Amino acid sequence: MTGPDAATAVTACGQAARAAAPHLRAAPGDAVDAALHAMARLLGETAPAVLAANAADVSAGEAAGLGRGLLDRLALGEARIAEMARQISLLAGAPFPPAHRRLRDLPGGFFLDERRVPVGVIGANYEARPNVTVDVASQLLKSRNAGVLRTGAAALRSATALFDHVITPALAEAGLDPGALQLVRSADRQAATELVARPGLIPLVILRGSGETTRALAAAAARHGVRTLAHADGGGVLYLDRAADPGLAAELITASLDRLGVCNRLNLLLVHAQAWDRMLGVAEKALRGRGVAASMPPHDHPLGHEWALDAGREATVTVAPVDGPSHAAAVANEATSGLAASVVTADPDAARAFLDGYAGTGAFWNASTRLLDGFRLRGVPETGINVDHVPGPRGPVTFEDLCLRQYVVTPANGAATP
């Protein structure tokens, strides 16, 4: 499609979502959860159609020369479909947070309440990740926000199948307006730019994808007055302290590299200089076991270079020495995105020094950074992981975060807050 056609497509989706938003905001919890249960069921019932569309996407991606990381994100498979359905079922059973709460009594006979108000319409732009289509759609539905989703050409067949066979029918089955969740059915990259250019229709957009693309879209959104929750960069850090158990270190390295295309995989391995000779062999053996190469010093790239986004070189981990836990935390802060970092040590003082010094989104002790995931960490799917250093939702963003805070003042002798 050409640019103007992409603009028309995004506008039409935004208008449809905005029209349906008030009905979704007022929907009873039972109807919302019924739609989620229907989505989970339909994922299983229509898996052949979804997998056929996904196979076409993967085949086209392979022909286009997509790297191992992108292909890993793109492929679904029966096991991943089943896991998506399981997570949505659990989301349906998650309690809704209170719509309002009493904060305090005010002078003059007034009450102060805090309300949770849906945003209205939320956009989402993501790349070759078909599962994100369901993750975001389910989170928007649970938070009673309408949505406009846009994915890249690589995953468009899969996203279309998920909308046509799972998401839209589930809304209709539960008696909700199917127009509440929209998919921009355009392979034109201009559609992403159009998505962040309509503050009147789509005031908030979730951005997931490669760093440069996401940063460019966030900058464009800011120029148009559109707010974003951006997940631009990733890369997990693992620090092996001088008191690290070699067996646990090997176990965590292996566990952190089960998938090479995800943001929270092991990307930078830091080793205490005093344990370098003892731990390096352990680390290299664990890396080889995953078919991963070590980038050793001196490095010809930044320490925080994100290998998951480096097509053809995804199977790489940067290895570097540090002087101790405080130095390791400083390197993780300065050289990486601040997504997640873990310390491996039997020394509580060393662990505390690392955890206190690290300012990133997720900090772990003797655990894999792969735990920084909405479902693993918080028990529900996520829309993305926000690493911004500003107040607001940080870390895995879930349905509980997709709301606006409203202060309501009422007289003590007035009607109860609805």
Protein backbone atom coordinates (compact mmCIF):
# COMPACT_ATOMS: atom_id res chain seq x y z
CA MET A 1 0.00 0.00 0.00
CA THR A 2 1.10 3.59 -0.50
CA GLY A 3 1.50 6.11 2.29
CA PRO A 4 -1.94 7.74 1.88
CA ASP A 5 -3.60 4.32 1.90
CA ALA A 6 -1.78 3.44 5.11
CA ALA A 7 -2.99 6.72 6.61
CA THR A 8 -6.56 5.92 5.61
CA ALA A 9 -6.30 2.43 7.09
CA VAL A 10 -4.99 3.68 10.44
CA THR A 11 -7.61 6.42 10.61
CA ALA A 12 -10.42 3.95 9.90
CA CYS A 13 -9.17 1.59 12.61
CA GLY A 14 -8.85 4.44 15.08
CA GLN A 15 -12.34 5.69 14.40
CA ALA A 16 -13.85 2.24 14.78
CA ALA A 17 -12.00 1.63 18.04
CA ARG A 18 -12.99 5.03 19.41
CA ALA A 19 -16.64 4.37 18.60
CA ALA A 20 -16.52 1.06 20.48
CA ALA A 21 -14.46 2.31 23.44
CA PRO A 22 -17.37 3.59 25.60
CA HIS A 23 -19.16 0.26 25.32
CA LEU A 24 -16.05 -1.66 26.34
CA ARG A 25 -15.41 0.70 29.25
CA ALA A 26 -18.89 -0.04 30.58
CA ALA A 27 -18.71 -3.79 29.95
CA PRO A 28 -19.27 -6.00 33.00
CA GLY A 29 -16.32 -8.04 34.19
CA ASP A 30 -18.10 -11.29 33.43
CA ALA A 31 -18.41 -10.34 29.75
CA VAL A 32 -14.76 -9.33 29.52
CA ASP A 33 -13.61 -12.59 31.08
CA ALA A 34 -16.01 -14.56 28.88
CA ALA A 35 -14.36 -13.03 25.82
CA LEU A 36 -10.93 -13.99 27.17
CA HIS A 37 -12.05 -17.56 27.80
CA ALA A 38 -13.42 -17.65 24.26
CA MET A 39 -10.08 -16.41 22.90
CA ALA A 40 -8.29 -19.22 24.74
CA ARG A 41 -10.71 -21.83 23.44
CA LEU A 42 -10.62 -20.54 19.87
CA LEU A 43 -6.83 -20.59 19.86
CA GLY A 44 -7.05 -24.35 20.26
CA GLU A 45 -10.00 -24.89 17.93
CA THR A 46 -8.58 -22.82 15.07
CA ALA A 47 -4.91 -23.66 15.58
CA PRO A 48 -4.58 -25.32 12.14
CA ALA A 49 -5.65 -22.13 10.34
CA VAL A 50 -3.42 -19.95 12.50
CA LEU A 51 -0.44 -22.27 12.11
CA ALA A 52 -0.92 -22.41 8.34
CA ALA A 53 -0.79 -18.61 8.16
CA ASN A 54 2.23 -18.58 10.44
CA ALA A 55 4.01 -21.20 8.33
CA ALA A 56 3.55 -18.92 5.32
CA ASP A 57 5.08 -16.04 7.30
CA VAL A 58 8.04 -18.16 8.40
CA SER A 59 8.63 -19.44 4.87
CA ALA A 60 8.59 -15.90 3.50
CA GLY A 61 10.91 -14.79 6.31
CA GLU A 62 13.40 -17.53 5.54
CA ALA A 63 13.33 -16.61 1.85
CA ALA A 64 13.93 -12.97 2.79
CA GLY A 65 16.96 -13.94 4.86
CA LEU A 66 15.62 -13.14 8.34
CA GLY A 67 18.11 -14.01 11.08
CA ARG A 68 17.73 -16.74 13.70
CA GLY A 69 16.53 -14.28 16.31
CA LEU A 70 13.71 -12.88 14.20
CA LEU A 71 12.67 -16.33 12.98
CA ASP A 72 12.57 -17.53 16.59
CA ARG A 73 10.18 -14.69 17.46
CA LEU A 74 8.12 -15.25 14.32
CA ALA A 75 7.47 -18.99 14.60
CA LEU A 76 4.51 -20.19 16.65
CA GLY A 77 4.08 -23.97 16.69
CA GLU A 78 1.52 -26.03 18.59
CA ALA A 79 3.32 -25.74 21.92
CA ARG A 80 3.45 -21.96 21.76
CA ILE A 81 -0.21 -21.78 20.74
CA ALA A 82 -1.13 -23.96 23.71
CA GLU A 83 0.90 -21.76 26.06
CA MET A 84 -0.75 -18.62 24.69
CA ALA A 85 -4.16 -20.18 25.37
CA ARG A 86 -3.15 -21.19 28.89
CA GLN A 87 -1.95 -17.71 29.73
CA ILE A 88 -5.14 -16.09 28.45
CA SER A 89 -7.22 -18.49 30.55
CA LEU A 90 -5.25 -17.48 33.61
CA LEU A 91 -5.67 -13.82 32.70
CA ALA A 92 -9.43 -14.35 32.55
CA GLY A 93 -9.29 -15.60 36.12
CA ALA A 94 -7.19 -12.69 37.39
CA PRO A 95 -9.16 -10.30 39.58
CA PHE A 96 -9.90 -6.83 38.30
CA PRO A 97 -8.26 -4.15 40.44
CA PRO A 98 -10.72 -1.98 42.36
CA ALA A 99 -12.23 0.71 40.15
CA HIS A 100 -11.91 3.21 42.98
CA ARG A 101 -10.58 3.48 46.51
CA ARG A 102 -11.10 5.91 49.35
CA LEU A 103 -7.90 7.87 50.04
CA ARG A 104 -8.80 10.21 52.89
CA ASP A 105 -11.29 12.59 54.43
CA LEU A 106 -10.85 16.25 53.44
CA PRO A 107 -11.67 19.33 55.52
CA GLY A 108 -15.15 20.73 55.07
CA GLY A 109 -16.92 17.38 55.01
CA PHE A 110 -15.54 15.96 51.78
CA PHE A 111 -14.14 12.57 50.76
CA LEU A 112 -11.21 12.02 48.37
CA ASP A 113 -11.39 8.96 46.16
CA GLU A 114 -9.03 7.70 43.48
CA ARG A 115 -10.55 6.18 40.36
CA ARG A 116 -8.97 3.99 37.71
CA VAL A 117 -10.13 5.19 34.28
CA PRO A 118 -9.38 3.38 30.99
CA VAL A 119 -7.28 5.36 28.52
CA GLY A 120 -9.90 4.81 25.81
CA VAL A 121 -7.99 3.74 22.70
CA ILE A 122 -4.45 2.39 22.87
CA GLY A 123 -2.30 1.62 19.84
CA ALA A 124 0.41 -1.01 19.61
CA ASN A 125 3.20 -1.40 17.07
CA TYR A 126 5.34 -4.53 17.07
CA GLU A 127 7.41 -6.50 14.62
CA ALA A 128 7.74 -10.21 13.85
CA ARG A 129 6.02 -11.47 17.01
CA PRO A 130 2.62 -13.08 16.32
CA ASN A 131 2.14 -13.98 19.99
CA VAL A 132 2.22 -10.27 20.85
CA THR A 133 -1.00 -9.87 18.85
CA VAL A 134 -2.81 -11.99 21.42
CA ASP A 135 -0.84 -10.68 24.39
CA VAL A 136 -1.69 -7.06 23.64
CA ALA A 137 -5.28 -7.73 22.58
CA SER A 138 -5.97 -9.66 25.77
CA GLN A 139 -4.39 -7.00 28.00
CA LEU A 140 -6.35 -4.21 26.33
CA LEU A 141 -9.55 -6.19 26.70
CA LYS A 142 -8.94 -6.95 30.38
CA SER A 143 -8.21 -3.26 31.04
CA ARG A 144 -11.35 -2.26 29.09
CA ASN A 145 -9.38 -0.26 26.52
CA ALA A 146 -10.12 -0.38 22.81
CA GLY A 147 -7.07 -0.87 20.62
CA VAL A 148 -5.45 -0.49 17.22
CA LEU A 149 -2.73 -3.05 16.57
CA ARG A 150 -0.14 -2.83 13.80
CA THR A 151 2.53 -5.40 13.02
CA GLY A 152 5.20 -5.56 10.33
CA ALA A 153 4.85 -7.36 7.03
CA ALA A 154 6.76 -10.39 8.35
CA ALA A 155 3.96 -11.37 10.74
CA LEU A 156 0.91 -9.86 9.05
CA ARG A 157 -0.56 -13.18 7.84
CA SER A 158 -0.33 -14.60 11.37
CA ALA A 159 -1.84 -11.50 12.97
CA THR A 160 -4.68 -11.47 10.46
CA ALA A 161 -5.47 -15.13 11.16
CA LEU A 162 -5.44 -14.49 14.90
CA PHE A 163 -7.85 -11.59 14.51
CA ASP A 164 -10.18 -13.37 12.09
CA HIS A 165 -10.28 -16.74 13.84
CA VAL A 166 -9.72 -15.85 17.50
CA ILE A 167 -9.96 -12.24 18.66
CA THR A 168 -12.91 -10.81 16.72
CA PRO A 169 -15.11 -13.93 17.08
CA ALA A 170 -14.38 -14.05 20.83
CA LEU A 171 -15.56 -10.47 21.31
CA ALA A 172 -18.74 -11.12 19.37
CA GLU A 173 -19.41 -14.38 21.23
CA ALA A 174 -19.23 -12.56 24.57
CA GLY A 175 -21.62 -9.86 23.41
CA LEU A 176 -18.93 -7.18 23.13
CA ASP A 177 -18.46 -4.84 20.20
CA PRO A 178 -16.01 -6.59 17.82
CA GLY A 179 -14.88 -3.18 16.63
CA ALA A 180 -13.15 -2.53 19.94
CA LEU A 181 -9.98 -4.28 18.77
CA GLN A 182 -8.67 -3.40 15.33
CA LEU A 183 -5.79 -4.68 13.19
CA VAL A 184 -4.17 -2.37 10.62
CA ARG A 185 -4.08 -4.68 7.62
CA SER A 186 -1.33 -2.91 5.76
CA ALA A 187 2.20 -4.09 5.11
CA ASP A 188 3.28 -0.51 4.46
CA ARG A 189 5.86 0.66 7.02
CA GLN A 190 4.27 4.09 6.83
CA ALA A 191 1.39 2.66 8.85
CA ALA A 192 3.64 2.61 11.92
CA THR A 193 4.34 6.33 11.56
CA GLU A 194 0.64 7.02 11.02
CA LEU A 195 -0.20 5.12 14.20
CA VAL A 196 1.75 7.59 16.36
CA ALA A 197 0.40 10.68 14.62
CA ARG A 198 -3.23 10.78 15.80
CA PRO A 199 -3.49 12.05 19.38
CA GLY A 200 -7.20 12.67 19.01
CA LEU A 201 -7.87 9.06 18.04
CA ILE A 202 -5.02 7.07 19.59
CA PRO A 203 -3.48 9.04 22.49
CA LEU A 204 -1.20 6.25 23.76
CA VAL A 205 0.83 3.76 21.71
CA ILE A 206 2.79 0.74 22.94
CA LEU A 207 6.00 0.35 20.93
CA ARG A 208 7.90 -2.93 20.73
CA GLY A 209 10.70 -3.82 18.35
CA SER A 210 14.26 -3.11 17.36
CA GLY A 211 15.91 -0.21 19.12
CA GLU A 212 16.39 2.24 16.25
CA THR A 213 12.91 1.74 14.82
CA THR A 214 11.22 2.10 18.19
CA ARG A 215 13.22 5.17 19.13
CA ALA A 216 12.35 6.82 15.81
CA LEU A 217 8.65 6.11 16.33
CA ALA A 218 8.79 7.41 19.92
CA ALA A 219 10.37 10.64 18.66
CA ALA A 220 7.68 10.98 15.98
CA ALA A 221 4.98 10.36 18.59
CA ALA A 222 6.40 13.08 20.82
CA ARG A 223 6.27 15.57 17.95
CA HIS A 224 2.57 14.78 17.48
CA GLY A 225 1.69 14.81 21.18
CA VAL A 226 1.14 11.04 21.40
CA ARG A 227 2.32 9.30 24.56
CA THR A 228 4.23 6.03 24.26
CA LEU A 229 5.20 3.03 26.34
CA ALA A 230 8.35 2.08 24.47
CA HIS A 231 10.30 -1.14 24.65
CA ALA A 232 13.25 -0.30 22.43
CA ASP A 233 16.25 -2.12 23.85
CA GLY A 234 16.98 -5.25 25.81
CA GLY A 235 19.85 -7.50 26.74
CA GLY A 236 20.25 -9.36 30.03
CA VAL A 237 23.40 -9.08 32.16
CA LEU A 238 24.83 -11.88 34.28
CA TYR A 239 27.60 -11.13 36.78
CA LEU A 240 29.67 -14.03 38.14
CA ASP A 241 31.09 -12.95 41.47
CA ARG A 242 34.25 -14.41 42.98
CA ALA A 243 31.96 -16.30 45.37
CA ALA A 244 29.84 -17.73 42.54
CA ASP A 245 29.14 -21.46 42.57
CA PRO A 246 30.48 -22.83 39.24
CA GLY A 247 27.62 -25.29 38.85
CA LEU A 248 24.97 -22.62 39.40
CA ALA A 249 26.81 -20.25 37.08
CA ALA A 250 26.74 -22.84 34.30
CA GLU A 251 23.07 -23.59 34.99
CA LEU A 252 22.05 -19.93 34.75
CA ILE A 253 24.08 -19.30 31.61
CA THR A 254 22.35 -22.25 29.97
CA ALA A 255 18.89 -21.22 31.21
CA SER A 256 19.43 -17.65 30.00
CA LEU A 257 20.06 -18.78 26.42
CA ASP A 258 17.09 -21.06 25.79
CA ARG A 259 15.94 -18.57 23.15
CA LEU A 260 18.24 -16.21 21.28
CA GLY A 261 15.67 -13.80 19.90
CA VAL A 262 14.15 -12.51 23.13
CA CYS A 263 15.12 -9.29 24.88
CA ASN A 264 15.82 -10.77 28.32
CA ARG A 265 18.29 -13.44 27.18
CA LEU A 266 21.90 -13.36 28.34
CA ASN A 267 23.69 -10.66 26.37
CA LEU A 268 26.58 -9.50 28.57
CA LEU A 269 28.47 -11.83 30.90
CA LEU A 270 30.60 -10.06 33.52
CA VAL A 271 33.15 -12.01 35.56
CA HIS A 272 34.99 -10.88 38.71
CA ALA A 273 38.63 -10.35 37.75
CA GLN A 274 39.79 -12.48 40.69
CA ALA A 275 37.62 -15.37 39.42
CA TRP A 276 38.40 -14.89 35.73
CA ASP A 277 40.74 -17.86 35.37
CA ARG A 278 38.50 -20.13 37.44
CA MET A 279 35.14 -19.18 35.91
CA LEU A 280 36.02 -18.54 32.28
CA GLY A 281 36.24 -22.22 31.39
CA VAL A 282 32.91 -22.86 33.08
CA ALA A 283 31.29 -20.03 31.15
CA GLU A 284 32.74 -21.00 27.78
CA LYS A 285 31.63 -24.62 28.22
CA ALA A 286 28.09 -23.53 29.05
CA LEU A 287 28.03 -21.19 26.05
CA ARG A 288 29.28 -23.91 23.71
CA GLY A 289 26.53 -26.17 25.03
CA ARG A 290 24.03 -23.69 23.61
CA GLY A 291 25.97 -23.21 20.39
CA VAL A 292 26.85 -19.67 21.43
CA ALA A 293 30.18 -17.93 20.83
CA ALA A 294 31.92 -15.69 23.36
CA SER A 295 33.01 -12.22 22.28
CA MET A 296 36.17 -11.77 24.34
CA PRO A 297 38.17 -8.62 25.14
CA PRO A 298 39.42 -6.52 23.54
CA HIS A 299 36.00 -5.90 22.01
CA ASP A 300 35.40 -4.18 18.69
CA HIS A 301 31.83 -3.26 19.73
CA PRO A 302 30.15 -1.58 22.71
CA LEU A 303 29.85 -3.81 25.78
CA GLY A 304 26.07 -3.57 25.67
CA HIS A 305 25.70 -4.43 21.98
CA GLU A 306 22.42 -6.35 21.74
CA TRP A 307 23.14 -9.58 19.91
CA ALA A 308 19.48 -10.59 19.61
CA LEU A 309 19.05 -7.77 17.08
CA ASP A 310 22.25 -8.56 15.17
CA ALA A 311 21.04 -10.73 12.29
CA GLY A 312 23.42 -13.59 11.66
CA ARG A 313 25.31 -13.09 14.93
CA GLU A 314 22.53 -13.71 17.44
CA ALA A 315 24.43 -16.70 18.88
CA THR A 316 26.97 -14.47 20.65
CA VAL A 317 27.49 -13.26 24.21
CA THR A 318 29.92 -10.53 25.26
CA VAL A 319 32.26 -11.57 28.08
CA ALA A 320 34.23 -9.02 30.12
CA PRO A 321 36.04 -8.78 33.49
CA VAL A 322 35.02 -6.39 36.29
CA ASP A 323 36.57 -5.47 39.62
CA GLY A 324 33.66 -6.52 41.82
CA PRO A 325 29.89 -6.27 42.39
CA SER A 326 29.74 -2.47 42.51
CA HIS A 327 31.77 -2.20 39.32
CA ALA A 328 29.57 -4.83 37.66
CA ALA A 329 26.44 -2.87 38.58
CA ALA A 330 27.99 0.33 37.23
CA VAL A 331 28.87 -1.35 33.93
CA ALA A 332 25.34 -2.75 33.64
CA ASN A 333 23.91 0.72 34.30
CA GLU A 334 26.15 2.55 31.88
CA ALA A 335 26.62 0.08 29.05
CA THR A 336 23.18 -1.54 28.71
CA SER A 337 19.54 -0.56 28.36
CA GLY A 338 18.80 -1.27 32.01
CA LEU A 339 16.43 -4.13 31.23
CA ALA A 340 17.64 -6.80 33.66
CA ALA A 341 20.77 -7.96 35.46
CA SER A 342 21.57 -10.84 37.78
CA VAL A 343 24.35 -11.56 40.25
CA VAL A 344 25.58 -15.10 40.92
CA THR A 345 27.18 -15.34 44.34
CA ALA A 346 27.08 -17.14 47.68
CA ASP A 347 28.15 -13.92 49.43
CA PRO A 348 25.14 -11.90 50.68
CA ASP A 349 27.23 -8.75 50.99
CA ALA A 350 28.33 -9.00 47.36
CA ALA A 351 24.75 -9.64 46.29
CA ARG A 352 23.53 -6.61 48.23
CA ALA A 353 26.24 -4.38 46.76
CA PHE A 354 25.19 -5.43 43.26
CA LEU A 355 21.43 -5.15 43.83
CA ASP A 356 21.77 -1.78 45.54
CA GLY A 357 24.01 -0.45 42.78
CA TYR A 358 21.98 -1.63 39.80
CA ALA A 359 19.29 0.83 38.66
CA GLY A 360 17.64 -1.24 35.93
CA THR A 361 14.13 -2.60 35.64
CA GLY A 362 14.75 -6.09 36.99
CA ALA A 363 17.45 -7.14 39.46
CA PHE A 364 18.03 -10.79 40.34
CA TRP A 365 20.19 -12.83 42.71
CA ASN A 366 21.08 -16.37 41.64
CA ALA A 367 18.26 -16.31 39.09
CA SER A 368 18.03 -15.93 35.33
CA THR A 369 17.11 -12.62 33.71
CA ARG A 370 14.64 -14.66 31.62
CA LEU A 371 12.33 -14.29 34.62
CA LEU A 372 11.76 -10.66 33.62
CA ASP A 373 8.60 -11.51 31.74
CA GLY A 374 5.04 -10.48 32.43
CA PHE A 375 3.74 -14.00 32.87
CA ARG A 376 6.71 -15.47 34.73
CA LEU A 377 7.08 -12.47 37.03
CA ARG A 378 3.52 -11.25 37.53
CA GLY A 379 1.37 -14.19 36.45
CA VAL A 380 -0.29 -12.48 33.46
CA PRO A 381 0.83 -11.71 29.89
CA GLU A 382 2.50 -8.38 29.20
CA THR A 383 2.19 -5.68 26.58
CA GLY A 384 5.94 -5.07 26.77
CA ILE A 385 8.71 -4.18 29.21
CA ASN A 386 9.12 -0.49 29.91
CA VAL A 387 12.67 0.58 30.86
CA ASP A 388 12.04 4.35 31.02
CA HIS A 389 13.58 6.25 33.93
CA VAL A 390 10.38 8.19 34.63
CA PRO A 391 7.42 7.67 36.97
CA GLY A 392 4.77 5.34 35.66
CA PRO A 393 4.59 1.65 34.78
CA ARG A 394 8.10 0.18 34.67
CA GLY A 395 9.11 -3.37 33.93
CA PRO A 396 6.54 -5.78 32.47
CA VAL A 397 3.44 -3.71 31.68
CA THR A 398 0.16 -5.55 32.26
CA PHE A 399 -3.54 -4.70 32.17
CA GLU A 400 -3.33 -3.24 35.67
CA ASP A 401 -1.06 -0.49 34.36
CA LEU A 402 -3.20 0.56 31.39
CA CYS A 403 -5.32 3.12 33.17
CA LEU A 404 -5.43 6.77 34.13
CA ARG A 405 -5.64 8.00 37.70
CA GLN A 406 -8.51 10.35 38.52
CA TYR A 407 -9.10 12.14 41.82
CA VAL A 408 -12.75 12.48 42.79
CA VAL A 409 -13.94 14.77 45.62
CA THR A 410 -17.46 14.25 46.93
CA PRO A 411 -19.37 15.63 49.91
CA ALA A 412 -19.64 13.29 52.86
CA ASN A 413 -23.41 13.53 52.75
CA GLY A 414 -23.56 12.88 49.01
CA ALA A 415 -24.26 9.67 47.15
CA ALA A 416 -21.67 6.89 47.36
CA THR A 417 -18.93 6.92 44.75
CA PRO A 418 -19.99 4.66 41.86
